[in-house]
PDB file of N, CA and C in Angstrom:
ATOM      1  N   MET A   1      -0.360  54.146  10.339  1.00  0.00           N
ATOM      2  CA  MET A   1      -1.283  54.542   9.288  1.00  0.00           C
ATOM      3  C   MET A   1      -0.272  55.300   8.480  1.00  0.00           C
ATOM      4  N   LEU A   2      -0.786  55.467   7.261  1.00  0.00           N
ATOM      5  CA  LEU A   2       0.037  56.596   6.083  1.00  0.00           C
ATOM      6  C   LEU A   2      -0.681  57.515   6.033  1.00  0.00           C
ATOM      7  N   TYR A   3      -0.503  58.834   5.961  1.00  0.00           N
ATOM      8  CA  TYR A   3      -1.096  60.097   5.445  1.00  0.00           C
ATOM      9  C   TYR A   3      -0.359  60.318   4.532  1.00  0.00           C
ATOM     10  N   LEU A   4      -1.043  60.921   3.517  1.00  0.00           N
ATOM     11  CA  LEU A   4      -0.292  61.876   2.474  1.00  0.00           C
ATOM     12  C   LEU A   4      -1.012  62.874   1.995  1.00  0.00           C
ATOM     13  N   LEU A   5      -0.262  64.074   1.562  1.00  0.00           N
ATOM     14  CA  LEU A   5      -0.714  65.303   1.097  1.00  0.00           C
ATOM     15  C   LEU A   5      -1.256  64.998  -0.714  1.00  0.00           C
ATOM     16  N   VAL A   6      -2.773  65.044  -0.817  1.00  0.00           N
ATOM     17  CA  VAL A   6      -3.010  64.872  -2.211  1.00  0.00           C
ATOM     18  C   VAL A   6      -3.968  66.185  -2.727  1.00  0.00           C
ATOM     19  N   ASN A   7      -4.000  65.718  -3.959  1.00  0.00           N
ATOM     20  CA  ASN A   7      -4.913  66.519  -4.999  1.00  0.00           C
ATOM     21  C   ASN A   7      -5.791  65.980  -5.443  1.00  0.00           C
ATOM     22  N   ILE A   8      -6.870  66.094  -5.560  1.00  0.00           N
ATOM     23  CA  ILE A   8      -8.321  65.552  -6.559  1.00  0.00           C
ATOM     24  C   ILE A   8      -7.796  65.979  -7.873  1.00  0.00           C
ATOM     25  N   HIS A   9      -7.930  64.889  -8.456  1.00  0.00           N
ATOM     26  CA  HIS A   9      -7.566  65.123  -9.907  1.00  0.00           C
ATOM     27  C   HIS A   9      -8.915  65.228 -10.867  1.00  0.00           C
ATOM     28  N   SER A  10      -9.622  63.862 -10.815  1.00  0.00           N
ATOM     29  CA  SER A  10     -10.753  63.839 -11.651  1.00  0.00           C
ATOM     30  C   SER A  10     -11.714  62.151 -11.049  1.00  0.00           C
ATOM     31  N   ILE A  11     -12.429  62.830 -11.540  1.00  0.00           N
ATOM     32  CA  ILE A  11     -13.351  61.394 -11.443  1.00  0.00           C
ATOM     33  C   ILE A  11     -13.572  60.257 -12.475  1.00  0.00           C
ATOM     34  N   THR A  12     -13.062  59.114 -12.149  1.00  0.00           N
ATOM     35  CA  THR A  12     -12.884  58.205 -13.204  1.00  0.00           C
ATOM     36  C   THR A  12     -14.390  57.712 -13.617  1.00  0.00           C
ATOM     37  N   PRO A  13     -14.353  57.741 -15.142  1.00  0.00           N
ATOM     38  CA  PRO A  13     -15.323  57.266 -15.790  1.00  0.00           C
ATOM     39  C   PRO A  13     -15.887  56.073 -15.196  1.00  0.00           C
ATOM     40  N   ARG A  14     -15.381  54.906 -15.403  1.00  0.00           N
ATOM     41  CA  ARG A  14     -15.791  53.550 -14.951  1.00  0.00           C
ATOM     42  C   ARG A  14     -16.231  53.404 -13.225  1.00  0.00           C
ATOM     43  N   THR A  15     -15.618  53.674 -12.489  1.00  0.00           N
ATOM     44  CA  THR A  15     -16.130  53.527 -11.191  1.00  0.00           C
ATOM     45  C   THR A  15     -16.620  55.061 -10.414  1.00  0.00           C
ATOM     46  N   GLY A  16     -16.730  56.249 -10.805  1.00  0.00           N
ATOM     47  CA  GLY A  16     -16.981  57.163 -10.353  1.00  0.00           C
ATOM     48  C   GLY A  16     -16.298  57.591  -9.116  1.00  0.00           C
ATOM     49  N   LEU A  17     -15.135  56.844  -8.745  1.00  0.00           N
ATOM     50  CA  LEU A  17     -14.530  57.568  -7.648  1.00  0.00           C
ATOM     51  C   LEU A  17     -13.598  58.589  -8.388  1.00  0.00           C
ATOM     52  N   GLU A  18     -12.966  59.103  -7.072  1.00  0.00           N
ATOM     53  CA  GLU A  18     -12.045  60.234  -7.351  1.00  0.00           C
ATOM     54  C   GLU A  18     -10.550  59.608  -7.571  1.00  0.00           C
ATOM     55  N   ASN A  19     -10.110  60.017  -8.234  1.00  0.00           N
ATOM     56  CA  ASN A  19      -8.634  59.672  -8.740  1.00  0.00           C
ATOM     57  C   ASN A  19      -7.511  60.623  -7.574  1.00  0.00           C
ATOM     58  N   LEU A  20      -7.048  59.940  -6.940  1.00  0.00           N
ATOM     59  CA  LEU A  20      -6.272  61.044  -6.126  1.00  0.00           C
ATOM     60  C   LEU A  20      -4.652  60.415  -5.940  1.00  0.00           C
ATOM     61  N   THR A  21      -4.095  61.731  -6.020  1.00  0.00           N
ATOM     62  CA  THR A  21      -2.783  61.716  -6.303  1.00  0.00           C
ATOM     63  C   THR A  21      -1.869  62.386  -5.086  1.00  0.00           C
ATOM     64  N   SER A  22      -0.662  61.859  -4.268  1.00  0.00           N
ATOM     65  CA  SER A  22      -0.094  62.088  -3.680  1.00  0.00           C
ATOM     66  C   SER A  22       0.488  63.290  -3.992  1.00  0.00           C
ATOM     67  N   ALA A  23       1.517  63.899  -2.926  1.00  0.00           N
ATOM     68  CA  ALA A  23       2.310  65.170  -3.762  1.00  0.00           C
ATOM     69  C   ALA A  23       3.352  64.274  -4.360  1.00  0.00           C
ATOM     70  N   SER A  24       3.705  63.581  -4.289  1.00  0.00           N
ATOM     71  CA  SER A  24       4.966  63.120  -4.613  1.00  0.00           C
ATOM     72  C   SER A  24       4.558  62.234  -6.240  1.00  0.00           C
ATOM     73  N   GLY A  25       3.023  62.353  -6.437  1.00  0.00           N
ATOM     74  CA  GLY A  25       2.984  61.798  -7.650  1.00  0.00           C
ATOM     75  C   GLY A  25       2.334  60.839  -7.711  1.00  0.00           C
ATOM     76  N   ILE A  26       2.315  59.496  -6.554  1.00  0.00           N
ATOM     77  CA  ILE A  26       2.099  58.549  -6.625  1.00  0.00           C
ATOM     78  C   ILE A  26       0.583  58.470  -6.480  1.00  0.00           C
ATOM     79  N   THR A  27      -0.142  57.813  -7.408  1.00  0.00           N
ATOM     80  CA  THR A  27      -1.584  57.903  -7.469  1.00  0.00           C
ATOM     81  C   THR A  27      -2.116  56.930  -6.349  1.00  0.00           C
ATOM     82  N   ILE A  28      -2.954  57.111  -5.296  1.00  0.00           N
ATOM     83  CA  ILE A  28      -3.453  56.645  -4.203  1.00  0.00           C
ATOM     84  C   ILE A  28      -4.314  55.354  -4.661  1.00  0.00           C
ATOM     85  N   PHE A  29      -4.981  55.170  -5.970  1.00  0.00           N
ATOM     86  CA  PHE A  29      -5.530  53.569  -5.892  1.00  0.00           C
ATOM     87  C   PHE A  29      -4.374  52.881  -5.905  1.00  0.00           C
ATOM     88  N   ASN A  30      -3.353  53.408  -6.983  1.00  0.00           N
ATOM     89  CA  ASN A  30      -2.211  52.330  -6.944  1.00  0.00           C
ATOM     90  C   ASN A  30      -1.819  51.870  -5.766  1.00  0.00           C
ATOM     91  N   ILE A  31      -1.536  53.072  -4.768  1.00  0.00           N
ATOM     92  CA  ILE A  31      -0.896  52.682  -3.301  1.00  0.00           C
ATOM     93  C   ILE A  31      -2.213  51.432  -2.997  1.00  0.00           C
ATOM     94  N   MET A  32      -3.280  51.724  -3.010  1.00  0.00           N
ATOM     95  CA  MET A  32      -4.438  50.618  -2.250  1.00  0.00           C
ATOM     96  C   MET A  32      -4.453  49.255  -3.381  1.00  0.00           C
ATOM     97  N   ASN A  33      -4.393  49.615  -4.617  1.00  0.00           N
ATOM     98  CA  ASN A  33      -4.064  48.485  -5.202  1.00  0.00           C
ATOM     99  C   ASN A  33      -2.928  47.360  -4.827  1.00  0.00           C
ATOM    100  N   THR A  34      -1.860  47.759  -4.669  1.00  0.00           N
ATOM    101  CA  THR A  34      -0.391  47.206  -3.968  1.00  0.00           C
ATOM    102  C   THR A  34      -0.768  46.984  -2.662  1.00  0.00           C
ATOM    103  N   GLN A  35      -1.332  47.448  -1.867  1.00  0.00           N
ATOM    104  CA  GLN A  35      -1.905  46.806  -0.616  1.00  0.00           C
ATOM    105  C   GLN A  35      -2.685  46.030  -0.397  1.00  0.00           C
ATOM    106  N   ASN A  36      -3.911  46.390  -1.382  1.00  0.00           N
ATOM    107  CA  ASN A  36      -5.087  45.133  -1.937  1.00  0.00           C
ATOM    108  C   ASN A  36      -4.191  44.080  -2.493  1.00  0.00           C
ATOM    109  N   GLN A  37      -3.479  43.646  -3.024  1.00  0.00           N
ATOM    110  CA  GLN A  37      -2.753  42.993  -4.129  1.00  0.00           C
ATOM    111  C   GLN A  37      -1.826  42.208  -2.684  1.00  0.00           C
ATOM    112  N   SER A  38      -1.005  42.634  -1.712  1.00  0.00           N
ATOM    113  CA  SER A  38      -0.627  41.970  -0.524  1.00  0.00           C
ATOM    114  C   SER A  38      -0.923  41.901  -0.273  1.00  0.00           C
ATOM    115  N   ASN A  39      -2.203  42.002   0.413  1.00  0.00           N
ATOM    116  CA  ASN A  39      -3.475  41.167   1.723  1.00  0.00           C
ATOM    117  C   ASN A  39      -3.775  40.165   0.647  1.00  0.00           C
ATOM    118  N   ILE A  40      -4.163  39.907  -0.503  1.00  0.00           N
ATOM    119  CA  ILE A  40      -4.724  39.008  -1.492  1.00  0.00           C
ATOM    120  C   ILE A  40      -3.665  38.144  -1.513  1.00  0.00           C
ATOM    121  N   ASP A  41      -1.852  38.711  -1.602  1.00  0.00           N
ATOM    122  CA  ASP A  41      -1.401  37.526  -1.530  1.00  0.00           C
ATOM    123  C   ASP A  41      -0.784  36.674  -0.414  1.00  0.00           C
ATOM    124  N   ALA A  42      -1.273  37.233   0.902  1.00  0.00           N
ATOM    125  CA  ALA A  42      -0.935  36.778   1.932  1.00  0.00           C
ATOM    126  C   ALA A  42      -2.203  35.999   2.262  1.00  0.00           C
ATOM    127  N   LEU A  43      -3.509  36.488   1.749  1.00  0.00           N
ATOM    128  CA  LEU A  43      -4.393  35.559   1.899  1.00  0.00           C
ATOM    129  C   LEU A  43      -4.585  34.219   1.214  1.00  0.00           C
ATOM    130  N   GLU A  44      -3.937  34.295   0.337  1.00  0.00           N
ATOM    131  CA  GLU A  44      -3.838  33.040  -0.736  1.00  0.00           C
ATOM    132  C   GLU A  44      -2.772  32.255  -0.010  1.00  0.00           C
ATOM    133  N   SER A  45      -1.752  33.208   0.441  1.00  0.00           N
ATOM    134  CA  SER A  45      -0.824  32.195   1.363  1.00  0.00           C
ATOM    135  C   SER A  45      -1.478  31.156   2.121  1.00  0.00           C
ATOM    136  N   LYS A  46      -1.914  32.015   2.959  1.00  0.00           N
ATOM    137  CA  LYS A  46      -2.766  31.603   4.368  1.00  0.00           C
ATOM    138  C   LYS A  46      -3.698  30.372   3.825  1.00  0.00           C
ATOM    139  N   ILE A  47      -4.432  30.480   2.366  1.00  0.00           N
ATOM    140  CA  ILE A  47      -5.450  29.541   2.098  1.00  0.00           C
ATOM    141  C   ILE A  47      -4.574  28.264   1.638  1.00  0.00           C
ATOM    142  N   GLU A  48      -3.644  28.437   1.016  1.00  0.00           N
ATOM    143  CA  GLU A  48      -2.821  27.232   0.797  1.00  0.00           C
ATOM    144  C   GLU A  48      -2.208  26.499   1.900  1.00  0.00           C
ATOM    145  N   GLU A  49      -1.856  27.552   3.036  1.00  0.00           N
ATOM    146  CA  GLU A  49      -1.571  26.589   4.081  1.00  0.00           C
ATOM    147  C   GLU A  49      -2.480  25.758   4.891  1.00  0.00           C
ATOM    148  N   LEU A  50      -3.905  26.311   4.754  1.00  0.00           N
ATOM    149  CA  LEU A  50      -4.854  25.711   5.153  1.00  0.00           C
ATOM    150  C   LEU A  50      -5.235  24.476   4.304  1.00  0.00           C
ATOM    151  N   LEU A  51      -5.153  24.601   2.995  1.00  0.00           N
ATOM    152  CA  LEU A  51      -5.273  23.271   2.492  1.00  0.00           C
ATOM    153  C   LEU A  51      -4.679  22.352   2.507  1.00  0.00           C
ATOM    154  N   THR A  52      -2.809  22.772   2.761  1.00  0.00           N
ATOM    155  CA  THR A  52      -1.858  21.585   3.179  1.00  0.00           C
ATOM    156  C   THR A  52      -2.356  20.966   4.463  1.00  0.00           C
ATOM    157  N   LEU A  53      -2.667  21.967   5.667  1.00  0.00           N
ATOM    158  CA  LEU A  53      -3.255  21.496   6.743  1.00  0.00           C
ATOM    159  C   LEU A  53      -4.402  20.198   6.741  1.00  0.00           C
ATOM    160  N   THR A  54      -5.350  20.672   6.195  1.00  0.00           N
ATOM    161  CA  THR A  54      -6.452  19.638   5.756  1.00  0.00           C
ATOM    162  C   THR A  54      -6.398  18.563   5.017  1.00  0.00           C
ATOM    163  N   GLN A  55      -5.403  18.640   3.843  1.00  0.00           N
ATOM    164  CA  GLN A  55      -5.192  17.242   3.336  1.00  0.00           C
ATOM    165  C   GLN A  55      -4.496  16.318   4.373  1.00  0.00           C
ATOM    166  N   LYS A  56      -3.380  17.119   5.134  1.00  0.00           N
ATOM    167  CA  LYS A  56      -2.498  16.381   6.278  1.00  0.00           C
ATOM    168  C   LYS A  56      -3.314  15.329   7.465  1.00  0.00           C
ATOM    169  N   LEU A  57      -4.645  16.654   7.501  1.00  0.00           N
ATOM    170  CA  LEU A  57      -5.288  16.194   8.764  1.00  0.00           C
ATOM    171  C   LEU A  57      -6.259  14.916   8.143  1.00  0.00           C
ATOM    172  N   SER A  58      -6.727  14.953   7.064  1.00  0.00           N
ATOM    173  CA  SER A  58      -7.186  14.327   6.348  1.00  0.00           C
ATOM    174  C   SER A  58      -6.844  12.915   6.130  1.00  0.00           C
ATOM    175  N   ALA A  59      -5.456  12.582   5.840  1.00  0.00           N
ATOM    176  CA  ALA A  59      -4.984  11.336   5.792  1.00  0.00           C
ATOM    177  C   ALA A  59      -4.365  11.058   7.145  1.00  0.00           C
ATOM    178  N   GLU A  60      -4.169  11.529   8.026  1.00  0.00           N
ATOM    179  CA  GLU A  60      -3.790  11.307   9.196  1.00  0.00           C
ATOM    180  C   GLU A  60      -5.584  10.833   9.661  1.00  0.00           C
ATOM    181  N   ASN A  61      -6.212  11.967   9.907  1.00  0.00           N
ATOM    182  CA  ASN A  61      -7.770  10.832  10.237  1.00  0.00           C
ATOM    183  C   ASN A  61      -8.089   9.434   9.615  1.00  0.00           C
ATOM    184  N   THR A  62      -7.891   9.294   8.339  1.00  0.00           N
ATOM    185  CA  THR A  62      -7.819   7.977   7.321  1.00  0.00           C
ATOM    186  C   THR A  62      -7.192   6.550   8.233  1.00  0.00           C
ATOM    187  N   ASP A  63      -5.830   7.454   8.542  1.00  0.00           N
ATOM    188  CA  ASP A  63      -4.518   6.262   9.369  1.00  0.00           C
ATOM    189  C   ASP A  63      -5.495   5.781  10.707  1.00  0.00           C
ATOM    190  N   LEU A  64      -5.985   6.938  11.107  1.00  0.00           N
ATOM    191  CA  LEU A  64      -6.376   6.830  12.429  1.00  0.00           C
ATOM    192  C   LEU A  64      -7.773   5.544  12.429  1.00  0.00           C
ATOM    193  N   LYS A  65      -8.555   6.265  11.687  1.00  0.00           N
ATOM    194  CA  LYS A  65      -9.808   5.131  11.335  1.00  0.00           C
ATOM    195  C   LYS A  65      -9.309   3.897  11.006  1.00  0.00           C
ATOM    196  N   GLU A  66      -8.470   3.478  10.603  1.00  0.00           N
ATOM    197  CA  GLU A  66      -7.849   2.223  10.359  1.00  0.00           C
ATOM    198  C   GLU A  66      -7.092   1.903  11.079  1.00  0.00           C
ATOM    199  N   GLN A  67      -6.607   2.197  11.989  1.00  0.00           N
ATOM    200  CA  GLN A  67      -5.894   2.033  13.227  1.00  0.00           C
ATOM    201  C   GLN A  67      -6.347   1.421  14.283  1.00  0.00           C
ATOM    202  N   MET A  68      -7.977   2.113  14.104  1.00  0.00           N
ATOM    203  CA  MET A  68      -9.359   1.842  15.207  1.00  0.00           C
ATOM    204  C   MET A  68      -9.721   0.576  14.620  1.00  0.00           C
ATOM    205  N   GLN A  69     -10.069   0.607  13.711  1.00  0.00           N
ATOM    206  CA  GLN A  69     -10.855  -0.494  12.889  1.00  0.00           C
ATOM    207  C   GLN A  69      -9.815  -2.065  13.358  1.00  0.00           C
ATOM    208  N   THR A  70      -8.415  -2.043  13.312  1.00  0.00           N
ATOM    209  CA  THR A  70      -7.502  -2.939  13.358  1.00  0.00           C
ATOM    210  C   THR A  70      -7.588  -3.150  14.990  1.00  0.00           C
ATOM    211  N   ILE A  71      -7.500  -2.181  15.791  1.00  0.00           N
ATOM    212  CA  ILE A  71      -7.884  -2.580  17.290  1.00  0.00           C
ATOM    213  C   ILE A  71      -8.855  -3.042  17.513  1.00  0.00           C
ATOM    214  N   ARG A  72      -9.996  -2.592  17.585  1.00  0.00           N
ATOM    215  CA  ARG A  72     -11.418  -3.353  17.017  1.00  0.00           C
ATOM    216  C   ARG A  72     -11.665  -4.692  17.186  1.00  0.00           C
ATOM    217  N   SER A  73     -10.425  -5.232  15.893  1.00  0.00           N
ATOM    218  CA  SER A  73     -10.735  -6.281  15.441  1.00  0.00           C
ATOM    219  C   SER A  73      -9.840  -7.116  16.212  1.00  0.00           C
ATOM    220  N   ASP A  74      -8.509  -6.672  16.564  1.00  0.00           N
ATOM    221  CA  ASP A  74      -7.775  -7.530  17.582  1.00  0.00           C
ATOM    222  C   ASP A  74      -8.645  -7.693  19.049  1.00  0.00           C
ATOM    223  N   ARG A  75      -9.057  -6.388  19.634  1.00  0.00           N
ATOM    224  CA  ARG A  75      -9.981  -6.513  20.660  1.00  0.00           C
ATOM    225  C   ARG A  75     -10.969  -7.935  20.561  1.00  0.00           C
ATOM    226  N   ALA A  76     -11.665  -7.944  19.553  1.00  0.00           N
ATOM    227  CA  ALA A  76     -12.951  -8.953  19.568  1.00  0.00           C
ATOM    228  C   ALA A  76     -12.056 -10.592  19.396  1.00  0.00           C
ATOM    229  N   GLN A  77     -11.186 -10.676  18.921  1.00  0.00           N
ATOM    230  CA  GLN A  77     -10.435 -11.869  18.612  1.00  0.00           C
ATOM    231  C   GLN A  77      -9.923 -12.095  20.290  1.00  0.00           C
ATOM    232  N   LEU A  78      -9.684 -11.115  21.152  1.00  0.00           N
ATOM    233  CA  LEU A  78      -8.673 -11.674  22.744  1.00  0.00           C
ATOM    234  C   LEU A  78      -9.914 -11.432  23.251  1.00  0.00           C
ATOM    235  N   ILE A  79     -10.838 -10.912  23.069  1.00  0.00           N
ATOM    236  CA  ILE A  79     -12.476 -11.499  23.939  1.00  0.00           C
ATOM    237  C   ILE A  79     -12.767 -12.522  23.501  1.00  0.00           C
ATOM    238  N   GLU A  80     -12.541 -13.420  22.299  1.00  0.00           N
ATOM    239  CA  GLU A  80     -13.337 -14.392  21.842  1.00  0.00           C
ATOM    240  C   GLU A  80     -12.143 -16.014  22.592  1.00  0.00           C
ATOM    241  N   GLN A  81     -10.842 -15.594  22.246  1.00  0.00           N
ATOM    242  CA  GLN A  81     -10.115 -16.233  22.972  1.00  0.00           C
ATOM    243  C   GLN A  81      -9.913 -16.554  24.587  1.00  0.00           C
ATOM    244  N   LYS A  82     -10.298 -15.479  25.103  1.00  0.00           N
ATOM    245  CA  LYS A  82     -10.600 -15.390  26.669  1.00  0.00           C
ATOM    246  C   LYS A  82     -11.664 -16.032  26.775  1.00  0.00           C
ATOM    247  N   GLU A  83     -12.741 -15.931  26.051  1.00  0.00           N
ATOM    248  CA  GLU A  83     -13.867 -16.866  26.532  1.00  0.00           C
ATOM    249  C   GLU A  83     -13.797 -18.277  26.198  1.00  0.00           C
ATOM    250  N   ARG A  84     -12.932 -18.911  24.984  1.00  0.00           N
ATOM    251  CA  ARG A  84     -12.387 -20.087  24.998  1.00  0.00           C
ATOM    252  C   ARG A  84     -11.871 -20.615  26.307  1.00  0.00           C
ATOM    253  N   ALA A  85     -11.066 -19.900  26.654  1.00  0.00           N
ATOM    254  CA  ALA A  85     -10.223 -20.214  27.790  1.00  0.00           C
ATOM    255  C   ALA A  85     -11.014 -20.220  28.919  1.00  0.00           C
ATOM    256  N   ARG A  86     -11.848 -19.705  29.367  1.00  0.00           N
ATOM    257  CA  ARG A  86     -12.628 -19.644  30.355  1.00  0.00           C
ATOM    258  C   ARG A  86     -13.309 -20.590  30.166  1.00  0.00           C
ATOM    259  N   SER A  87     -13.801 -20.949  29.035  1.00  0.00           N
ATOM    260  CA  SER A  87     -14.796 -22.115  29.272  1.00  0.00           C
ATOM    261  C   SER A  87     -13.878 -23.511  29.290  1.00  0.00           C
ATOM    262  N   GLN A  88     -12.651 -23.788  28.751  1.00  0.00           N
ATOM    263  CA  GLN A  88     -11.786 -24.785  28.906  1.00  0.00           C
ATOM    264  C   GLN A  88     -11.666 -25.029  30.452  1.00  0.00           C
ATOM    265  N   VAL A  89     -11.283 -23.866  31.375  1.00  0.00           N
ATOM    266  CA  VAL A  89     -10.897 -24.128  32.441  1.00  0.00           C
ATOM    267  C   VAL A  89     -12.003 -24.275  33.224  1.00  0.00           C
ATOM    268  N   GLU A  90     -13.182 -23.781  33.108  1.00  0.00           N
ATOM    269  CA  GLU A  90     -14.623 -24.504  33.516  1.00  0.00           C
ATOM    270  C   GLU A  90     -14.840 -25.856  33.449  1.00  0.00           C
ATOM    271  N   SER A  91     -14.590 -26.411  31.965  1.00  0.00           N
ATOM    272  CA  SER A  91     -14.542 -27.584  32.106  1.00  0.00           C
ATOM    273  C   SER A  91     -13.666 -28.465  32.873  1.00  0.00           C
ATOM    274  N   MET A  92     -12.487 -27.933  32.493  1.00  0.00           N
ATOM    275  CA  MET A  92     -11.490 -28.808  33.706  1.00  0.00           C
ATOM    276  C   MET A  92     -11.840 -29.149  34.882  1.00  0.00           C
ATOM    277  N   ILE A  93     -12.253 -27.867  35.298  1.00  0.00           N
ATOM    278  CA  ILE A  93     -12.416 -27.636  36.746  1.00  0.00           C
ATOM    279  C   ILE A  93     -13.824 -28.795  36.926  1.00  0.00           C
ATOM    280  N   THR A  94     -14.820 -28.516  36.058  1.00  0.00           N
ATOM    281  CA  THR A  94     -15.776 -29.966  36.071  1.00  0.00           C
ATOM    282  C   THR A  94     -15.516 -31.254  35.932  1.00  0.00           C
ATOM    283  N   ARG A  95     -14.750 -31.613  35.479  1.00  0.00           N
ATOM    284  CA  ARG A  95     -14.127 -32.907  35.360  1.00  0.00           C
ATOM    285  C   ARG A  95     -12.918 -33.500  36.426  1.00  0.00           C
ATOM    286  N   LEU A  96     -12.362 -32.352  37.117  1.00  0.00           N
ATOM    287  CA  LEU A  96     -11.744 -32.378  38.232  1.00  0.00           C
ATOM    288  C   LEU A  96     -12.773 -32.871  39.399  1.00  0.00           C
ATOM    289  N   LYS A  97     -13.754 -32.300  39.275  1.00  0.00           N
ATOM    290  CA  LYS A  97     -14.879 -32.583  40.442  1.00  0.00           C
ATOM    291  C   LYS A  97     -15.241 -33.748  40.206  1.00  0.00           C
ATOM    292  N   THR A  98     -15.472 -34.291  39.016  1.00  0.00           N
ATOM    293  CA  THR A  98     -16.161 -35.348  38.999  1.00  0.00           C
ATOM    294  C   THR A  98     -15.181 -36.591  38.922  1.00  0.00           C
ATOM    295  N   VAL A  99     -13.855 -36.290  38.932  1.00  0.00           N
ATOM    296  CA  VAL A  99     -13.082 -37.244  39.349  1.00  0.00           C
ATOM    297  C   VAL A  99     -12.526 -37.455  41.016  1.00  0.00           C
ATOM    298  N   GLU A 100     -12.701 -36.474  41.584  1.00  0.00           N
ATOM    299  CA  GLU A 100     -12.971 -36.600  43.032  1.00  0.00           C
ATOM    300  C   GLU A 100     -13.813 -37.126  43.691  1.00  0.00           C
ATOM    301  N   THR A 101     -15.204 -36.763  43.098  1.00  0.00           N
ATOM    302  CA  THR A 101     -16.174 -37.735  43.593  1.00  0.00           C
ATOM    303  C   THR A 101     -16.707 -39.205  43.293  1.00  0.00           C
ATOM    304  N   ALA A 102     -15.780 -39.351  42.202  1.00  0.00           N
ATOM    305  CA  ALA A 102     -15.651 -40.599  41.742  1.00  0.00           C
ATOM    306  C   ALA A 102     -14.882 -41.751  42.775  1.00  0.00           C
TER     307      ALA A 102
END
């Protein structure tokens, strides 16, 4: 916490706030503005990081959706192939049973 010895100089006409100056002559509002700017800069940096991360995650999400669609398509083809193979095997079994009984 920063403690300063201050003198009240005047009331600023625009804001109605007291213009405080430290014993070293630094205006408190300037310190506040510097701190506020520092906070704003830090916030801006965090927002930029979040935007970058959002874009990265969005691209990754798009890729994952495409992969899921490919996997679903491949799965459907495999199920179809399995059903054809099962049908062929059942047909062969039926024919073998017919040959055995003849």
